[in-house]
């Protein structure tokens, strides 16, 4: 393959980068469903809604939608983005609290930290 303005080595690297990007756009997770990878970061601050996130029951994780926030000039700002977060803990996450969520290797957002207050 030749790419105008690139030598053979650069064209090969560029082709590999494009192939890698296209493959990443259509990854199949362990459930057999196609996912689209997100741009980093893979950890977010979020706020639970009034009902919180239910506790895990046996091997079934609790789950609820949470609202992603970011830190802008030292203040948490709602980004108008909701993510389904899973709770692996045996106790529920309270409602209307800030949490930290992280993306697992299988594509699930897991509650990592809950702001329990004082």
N, C-alpha and C. Protein backbone atom coordinates (compact mmCIF):
# COMPACT_ATOMS: atom_id res chain seq x y z
N UNK A 1 0.85 -1.17 0.00
CA UNK A 1 0.00 0.00 0.00
C UNK A 1 0.89 1.23 0.00
N UNK A 2 0.47 2.23 -0.75
CA UNK A 2 1.19 3.49 -0.72
C UNK A 2 0.25 4.60 -0.30
N UNK A 3 0.78 5.51 0.48
CA UNK A 3 0.04 6.68 0.92
C UNK A 3 0.86 7.88 0.51
N UNK A 4 0.26 8.77 -0.27
CA UNK A 4 0.98 9.93 -0.79
C UNK A 4 1.60 10.73 0.35
N UNK A 5 2.89 10.97 0.24
CA UNK A 5 3.58 11.78 1.23
C UNK A 5 4.17 10.97 2.38
N UNK A 6 3.95 9.65 2.41
CA UNK A 6 4.48 8.79 3.47
C UNK A 6 5.42 7.76 2.87
N UNK A 7 6.51 7.45 3.58
CA UNK A 7 7.35 6.36 3.13
C UNK A 7 6.68 5.03 3.51
N UNK A 8 7.22 3.92 3.06
CA UNK A 8 6.58 2.62 3.27
C UNK A 8 6.41 2.29 4.75
N UNK A 9 7.40 2.61 5.58
CA UNK A 9 7.32 2.34 7.02
C UNK A 9 6.23 3.15 7.69
N UNK A 10 6.16 4.44 7.34
CA UNK A 10 5.12 5.30 7.91
C UNK A 10 3.73 4.86 7.45
N UNK A 11 3.61 4.46 6.19
CA UNK A 11 2.32 4.00 5.67
C UNK A 11 1.87 2.74 6.40
N UNK A 12 2.81 1.84 6.70
CA UNK A 12 2.49 0.61 7.43
C UNK A 12 1.99 0.94 8.84
N UNK A 13 2.67 1.86 9.52
CA UNK A 13 2.25 2.26 10.87
C UNK A 13 0.88 2.91 10.82
N UNK A 14 0.66 3.80 9.85
CA UNK A 14 -0.63 4.46 9.70
C UNK A 14 -1.73 3.43 9.45
N UNK A 15 -1.48 2.47 8.60
CA UNK A 15 -2.47 1.42 8.31
C UNK A 15 -2.77 0.60 9.56
N UNK A 16 -1.74 0.27 10.33
CA UNK A 16 -1.95 -0.47 11.57
C UNK A 16 -2.80 0.33 12.56
N UNK A 17 -2.53 1.63 12.65
CA UNK A 17 -3.30 2.48 13.55
C UNK A 17 -4.77 2.53 13.13
N UNK A 18 -5.02 2.65 11.83
CA UNK A 18 -6.40 2.68 11.33
C UNK A 18 -7.08 1.34 11.60
N UNK A 19 -6.40 0.23 11.31
CA UNK A 19 -6.97 -1.09 11.55
C UNK A 19 -7.29 -1.28 13.03
N UNK A 20 -6.39 -0.86 13.90
CA UNK A 20 -6.60 -0.98 15.34
C UNK A 20 -7.81 -0.16 15.77
N UNK A 21 -7.92 1.07 15.25
CA UNK A 21 -9.05 1.93 15.59
C UNK A 21 -10.37 1.32 15.11
N UNK A 22 -10.40 0.82 13.89
CA UNK A 22 -11.63 0.22 13.36
C UNK A 22 -12.02 -1.03 14.14
N UNK A 23 -11.04 -1.83 14.52
CA UNK A 23 -11.33 -3.03 15.32
C UNK A 23 -11.87 -2.64 16.69
N UNK A 24 -11.32 -1.58 17.28
CA UNK A 24 -11.76 -1.14 18.60
C UNK A 24 -13.17 -0.59 18.57
N UNK A 25 -13.59 -0.05 17.42
CA UNK A 25 -14.94 0.50 17.33
C UNK A 25 -16.00 -0.58 17.42
N UNK A 26 -15.63 -1.80 17.11
CA UNK A 26 -16.61 -2.88 17.07
C UNK A 26 -16.13 -4.08 17.88
N UNK A 27 -15.76 -3.83 19.12
CA UNK A 27 -15.33 -4.91 19.99
C UNK A 27 -16.53 -5.73 20.43
N UNK A 28 -16.31 -7.01 20.61
CA UNK A 28 -17.36 -7.87 21.15
C UNK A 28 -16.97 -8.23 22.56
N UNK A 29 -17.85 -7.93 23.52
CA UNK A 29 -17.52 -8.24 24.90
C UNK A 29 -17.85 -9.69 25.21
N UNK A 30 -17.61 -10.12 26.45
CA UNK A 30 -17.78 -11.52 26.81
C UNK A 30 -19.23 -11.97 26.71
N UNK A 31 -20.18 -11.06 26.66
CA UNK A 31 -21.59 -11.42 26.53
C UNK A 31 -21.97 -11.65 25.06
N UNK A 32 -21.04 -11.37 24.15
CA UNK A 32 -21.32 -11.53 22.74
C UNK A 32 -21.98 -10.33 22.11
N UNK A 33 -22.04 -9.22 22.82
CA UNK A 33 -22.65 -8.01 22.26
C UNK A 33 -21.56 -7.05 21.82
N UNK A 34 -21.85 -6.28 20.80
CA UNK A 34 -20.88 -5.33 20.27
C UNK A 34 -20.89 -4.05 21.10
N UNK A 35 -19.72 -3.58 21.43
CA UNK A 35 -19.59 -2.36 22.22
C UNK A 35 -18.73 -1.36 21.47
N UNK A 36 -18.91 -0.12 21.77
CA UNK A 36 -18.06 0.94 21.24
C UNK A 36 -17.26 1.50 22.41
N UNK A 37 -15.94 1.44 22.34
CA UNK A 37 -15.15 1.93 23.47
C UNK A 37 -15.32 3.43 23.67
N UNK A 38 -15.25 3.84 24.90
CA UNK A 38 -15.36 5.25 25.24
C UNK A 38 -13.98 5.88 25.24
N UNK A 39 -13.94 7.14 24.95
CA UNK A 39 -12.70 7.88 25.13
C UNK A 39 -12.47 8.03 26.63
N UNK A 40 -11.22 8.00 27.08
CA UNK A 40 -10.92 8.13 28.49
C UNK A 40 -11.45 9.43 29.05
N UNK A 41 -11.55 9.64 30.31
CA UNK A 41 -11.06 8.76 31.37
C UNK A 41 -12.03 7.61 31.64
N UNK A 42 -11.55 6.63 32.36
CA UNK A 42 -12.35 5.46 32.67
C UNK A 42 -12.81 5.45 34.11
N UNK A 43 -12.64 6.57 34.78
CA UNK A 43 -13.18 6.78 36.13
C UNK A 43 -13.90 8.12 36.12
N UNK A 44 -15.10 8.15 36.67
CA UNK A 44 -15.88 9.38 36.70
C UNK A 44 -16.45 9.62 38.09
N UNK A 45 -16.70 10.88 38.40
CA UNK A 45 -17.51 11.24 39.56
C UNK A 45 -18.94 11.27 39.05
N UNK A 46 -19.85 10.72 39.84
CA UNK A 46 -21.27 10.72 39.46
C UNK A 46 -22.09 10.99 40.71
N UNK A 47 -23.37 11.31 40.50
CA UNK A 47 -24.28 11.52 41.62
C UNK A 47 -25.44 10.55 41.45
N UNK A 48 -25.77 9.87 42.52
CA UNK A 48 -26.90 8.95 42.46
C UNK A 48 -28.19 9.74 42.45
N UNK A 49 -29.21 9.12 41.96
CA UNK A 49 -30.54 9.73 41.98
C UNK A 49 -31.21 9.39 43.30
N UNK A 50 -32.43 9.86 43.49
CA UNK A 50 -33.12 9.72 44.78
C UNK A 50 -33.14 8.29 45.31
N UNK A 51 -33.30 7.31 44.45
CA UNK A 51 -33.38 5.92 44.90
C UNK A 51 -32.05 5.25 45.18
N UNK A 52 -30.94 5.92 44.90
CA UNK A 52 -29.62 5.33 45.12
C UNK A 52 -29.35 4.19 44.17
N UNK A 53 -28.44 3.29 44.60
CA UNK A 53 -28.12 2.09 43.82
C UNK A 53 -28.34 0.90 44.75
N UNK A 54 -29.25 0.00 44.41
CA UNK A 54 -29.54 -1.12 45.30
C UNK A 54 -28.31 -1.99 45.58
N UNK A 55 -28.39 -2.73 46.66
CA UNK A 55 -27.32 -3.66 47.04
C UNK A 55 -27.32 -4.88 46.12
N UNK A 56 -26.18 -5.56 46.10
CA UNK A 56 -26.08 -6.84 45.41
C UNK A 56 -26.93 -7.85 46.17
N UNK A 57 -27.58 -8.76 45.45
CA UNK A 57 -28.34 -9.85 46.06
C UNK A 57 -27.78 -11.16 45.52
N UNK A 58 -27.02 -11.85 46.35
CA UNK A 58 -26.34 -13.06 45.86
C UNK A 58 -25.33 -12.68 44.80
N UNK A 59 -25.52 -13.23 43.59
CA UNK A 59 -24.60 -12.89 42.49
C UNK A 59 -25.19 -11.85 41.55
N UNK A 60 -26.37 -11.33 41.87
CA UNK A 60 -27.00 -10.31 41.04
C UNK A 60 -26.64 -8.93 41.56
N UNK A 61 -25.97 -8.16 40.74
CA UNK A 61 -25.54 -6.83 41.16
C UNK A 61 -26.72 -5.87 41.17
N UNK A 62 -26.70 -4.95 42.13
CA UNK A 62 -27.67 -3.86 42.12
C UNK A 62 -27.28 -2.89 41.02
N UNK A 63 -28.25 -2.22 40.43
CA UNK A 63 -27.91 -1.27 39.38
C UNK A 63 -28.91 -0.13 39.34
N UNK A 64 -28.43 1.02 38.90
CA UNK A 64 -29.28 2.19 38.73
C UNK A 64 -28.53 3.19 37.86
N UNK A 65 -29.29 4.06 37.22
CA UNK A 65 -28.67 5.12 36.44
C UNK A 65 -28.18 6.22 37.37
N UNK A 66 -26.99 6.73 37.07
CA UNK A 66 -26.39 7.82 37.83
C UNK A 66 -26.03 8.94 36.85
N UNK A 67 -25.87 10.14 37.38
CA UNK A 67 -25.56 11.31 36.55
C UNK A 67 -24.09 11.68 36.68
N UNK A 68 -23.38 11.68 35.56
CA UNK A 68 -21.94 11.96 35.54
C UNK A 68 -21.69 13.44 35.79
N UNK A 69 -20.69 13.73 36.60
CA UNK A 69 -20.26 15.11 36.90
C UNK A 69 -18.78 15.24 36.57
N UNK A 70 -18.34 16.45 36.39
CA UNK A 70 -16.91 16.70 36.24
C UNK A 70 -16.53 17.87 37.13
N UNK A 71 -15.25 17.99 37.37
CA UNK A 71 -14.76 19.07 38.21
C UNK A 71 -14.30 20.20 37.31
N UNK A 72 -14.95 21.36 37.45
CA UNK A 72 -14.58 22.54 36.67
C UNK A 72 -14.35 23.68 37.66
N UNK A 73 -13.12 24.18 37.65
CA UNK A 73 -12.73 25.25 38.58
C UNK A 73 -13.07 24.89 40.02
N UNK A 74 -12.82 23.63 40.39
CA UNK A 74 -13.03 23.19 41.77
C UNK A 74 -14.48 22.95 42.16
N UNK A 75 -15.38 22.92 41.18
CA UNK A 75 -16.80 22.67 41.48
C UNK A 75 -17.29 21.50 40.64
N UNK A 76 -18.15 20.67 41.23
CA UNK A 76 -18.73 19.55 40.49
C UNK A 76 -19.89 20.05 39.65
N UNK A 77 -19.84 19.70 38.36
CA UNK A 77 -20.83 20.17 37.40
C UNK A 77 -21.46 18.97 36.71
N UNK A 78 -22.79 18.94 36.65
CA UNK A 78 -23.53 17.88 35.97
C UNK A 78 -23.22 17.94 34.48
N UNK A 79 -22.82 16.81 33.88
CA UNK A 79 -22.47 16.77 32.47
C UNK A 79 -23.64 16.34 31.58
N UNK A 80 -24.83 16.18 32.15
CA UNK A 80 -26.01 15.74 31.39
C UNK A 80 -25.75 14.42 30.66
N UNK A 81 -25.08 13.51 31.37
CA UNK A 81 -24.78 12.19 30.84
C UNK A 81 -25.15 11.18 31.91
N UNK A 82 -25.98 10.20 31.56
CA UNK A 82 -26.34 9.17 32.53
C UNK A 82 -25.65 7.87 32.16
N UNK A 83 -25.25 7.15 33.19
CA UNK A 83 -24.57 5.86 33.03
C UNK A 83 -25.23 4.86 33.96
N UNK A 84 -25.41 3.64 33.48
CA UNK A 84 -25.92 2.57 34.33
C UNK A 84 -24.75 2.05 35.17
N UNK A 85 -24.85 2.23 36.48
CA UNK A 85 -23.78 1.82 37.40
C UNK A 85 -24.23 0.58 38.17
N UNK A 86 -23.29 -0.32 38.40
CA UNK A 86 -23.55 -1.57 39.13
C UNK A 86 -22.89 -1.51 40.50
N UNK A 87 -23.59 -2.02 41.49
CA UNK A 87 -23.10 -2.04 42.86
C UNK A 87 -22.77 -3.48 43.24
N UNK A 88 -21.49 -3.75 43.55
CA UNK A 88 -21.10 -5.09 43.95
C UNK A 88 -21.20 -5.30 45.45
N UNK A 89 -21.48 -4.24 46.19
CA UNK A 89 -21.52 -4.32 47.66
C UNK A 89 -22.83 -4.94 48.14
N UNK A 90 -22.78 -5.48 49.35
CA UNK A 90 -23.97 -6.09 49.96
C UNK A 90 -24.85 -5.06 50.66
N UNK A 91 -24.47 -3.79 50.57
CA UNK A 91 -25.31 -2.72 51.10
C UNK A 91 -25.56 -1.71 49.98
N UNK A 92 -26.73 -1.07 50.03
CA UNK A 92 -27.12 -0.12 48.99
C UNK A 92 -26.29 1.16 49.07
N UNK A 93 -26.18 1.82 47.95
CA UNK A 93 -25.59 3.15 47.89
C UNK A 93 -26.73 4.14 48.07
N UNK A 94 -26.54 5.11 48.94
CA UNK A 94 -27.60 6.08 49.26
C UNK A 94 -27.98 6.92 48.04
N UNK A 95 -29.14 7.55 48.14
CA UNK A 95 -29.59 8.44 47.09
C UNK A 95 -29.03 9.84 47.27
N UNK A 96 -28.87 10.53 46.15
CA UNK A 96 -28.41 11.93 46.15
C UNK A 96 -27.03 12.10 46.79
N UNK A 97 -26.11 11.14 46.53
CA UNK A 97 -24.73 11.26 47.02
C UNK A 97 -23.78 11.14 45.85
N UNK A 98 -22.57 11.68 46.03
CA UNK A 98 -21.54 11.56 45.01
C UNK A 98 -20.84 10.23 45.17
N UNK A 99 -20.52 9.62 44.03
CA UNK A 99 -19.81 8.35 44.00
C UNK A 99 -18.71 8.44 42.95
N UNK A 100 -17.80 7.50 43.00
CA UNK A 100 -16.81 7.34 41.95
C UNK A 100 -17.12 6.02 41.27
N UNK A 101 -17.22 6.05 39.93
CA UNK A 101 -17.47 4.83 39.17
C UNK A 101 -16.29 4.57 38.25
N UNK A 102 -16.02 3.29 38.01
CA UNK A 102 -14.92 2.91 37.13
C UNK A 102 -15.38 1.87 36.13
N UNK A 103 -14.80 1.88 34.95
CA UNK A 103 -15.16 0.96 33.88
C UNK A 103 -14.38 -0.34 34.04
N UNK A 104 -15.12 -1.45 34.17
CA UNK A 104 -14.47 -2.76 34.31
C UNK A 104 -13.93 -3.22 32.96
N UNK A 105 -13.12 -4.25 32.99
CA UNK A 105 -12.58 -4.82 31.77
C UNK A 105 -13.63 -5.46 30.88
N UNK A 106 -14.83 -5.67 31.41
CA UNK A 106 -15.92 -6.26 30.65
C UNK A 106 -16.94 -5.23 30.19
N UNK A 107 -16.65 -3.94 30.43
CA UNK A 107 -17.50 -2.89 29.93
C UNK A 107 -18.61 -2.43 30.85
N UNK A 108 -18.58 -2.85 32.11
CA UNK A 108 -19.59 -2.41 33.07
C UNK A 108 -19.04 -1.31 33.95
N UNK A 109 -19.88 -0.31 34.27
CA UNK A 109 -19.49 0.74 35.20
C UNK A 109 -19.81 0.28 36.62
N UNK A 110 -18.79 0.20 37.46
CA UNK A 110 -18.93 -0.28 38.84
C UNK A 110 -18.76 0.85 39.84
N UNK A 111 -19.58 0.85 40.88
CA UNK A 111 -19.42 1.83 41.95
C UNK A 111 -18.15 1.47 42.71
N UNK A 112 -17.22 2.40 42.81
CA UNK A 112 -15.95 2.17 43.49
C UNK A 112 -15.94 2.81 44.89
N UNK A 113 -16.50 4.01 44.98
CA UNK A 113 -16.47 4.77 46.24
C UNK A 113 -17.80 5.49 46.39
N UNK A 114 -18.29 5.53 47.64
CA UNK A 114 -19.50 6.30 47.96
C UNK A 114 -19.15 7.35 48.99
N UNK A 115 -19.64 8.57 48.78
CA UNK A 115 -19.48 9.63 49.77
C UNK A 115 -20.49 9.38 50.88
N UNK A 116 -19.98 8.92 52.02
CA UNK A 116 -20.88 8.57 53.14
C UNK A 116 -21.13 9.74 54.07
N UNK A 117 -20.52 10.87 53.82
CA UNK A 117 -20.73 12.03 54.67
C UNK A 117 -20.10 11.87 56.03
N UNK A 118 -20.55 12.67 56.98
CA UNK A 118 -19.95 12.61 58.31
C UNK A 118 -20.86 11.96 59.30
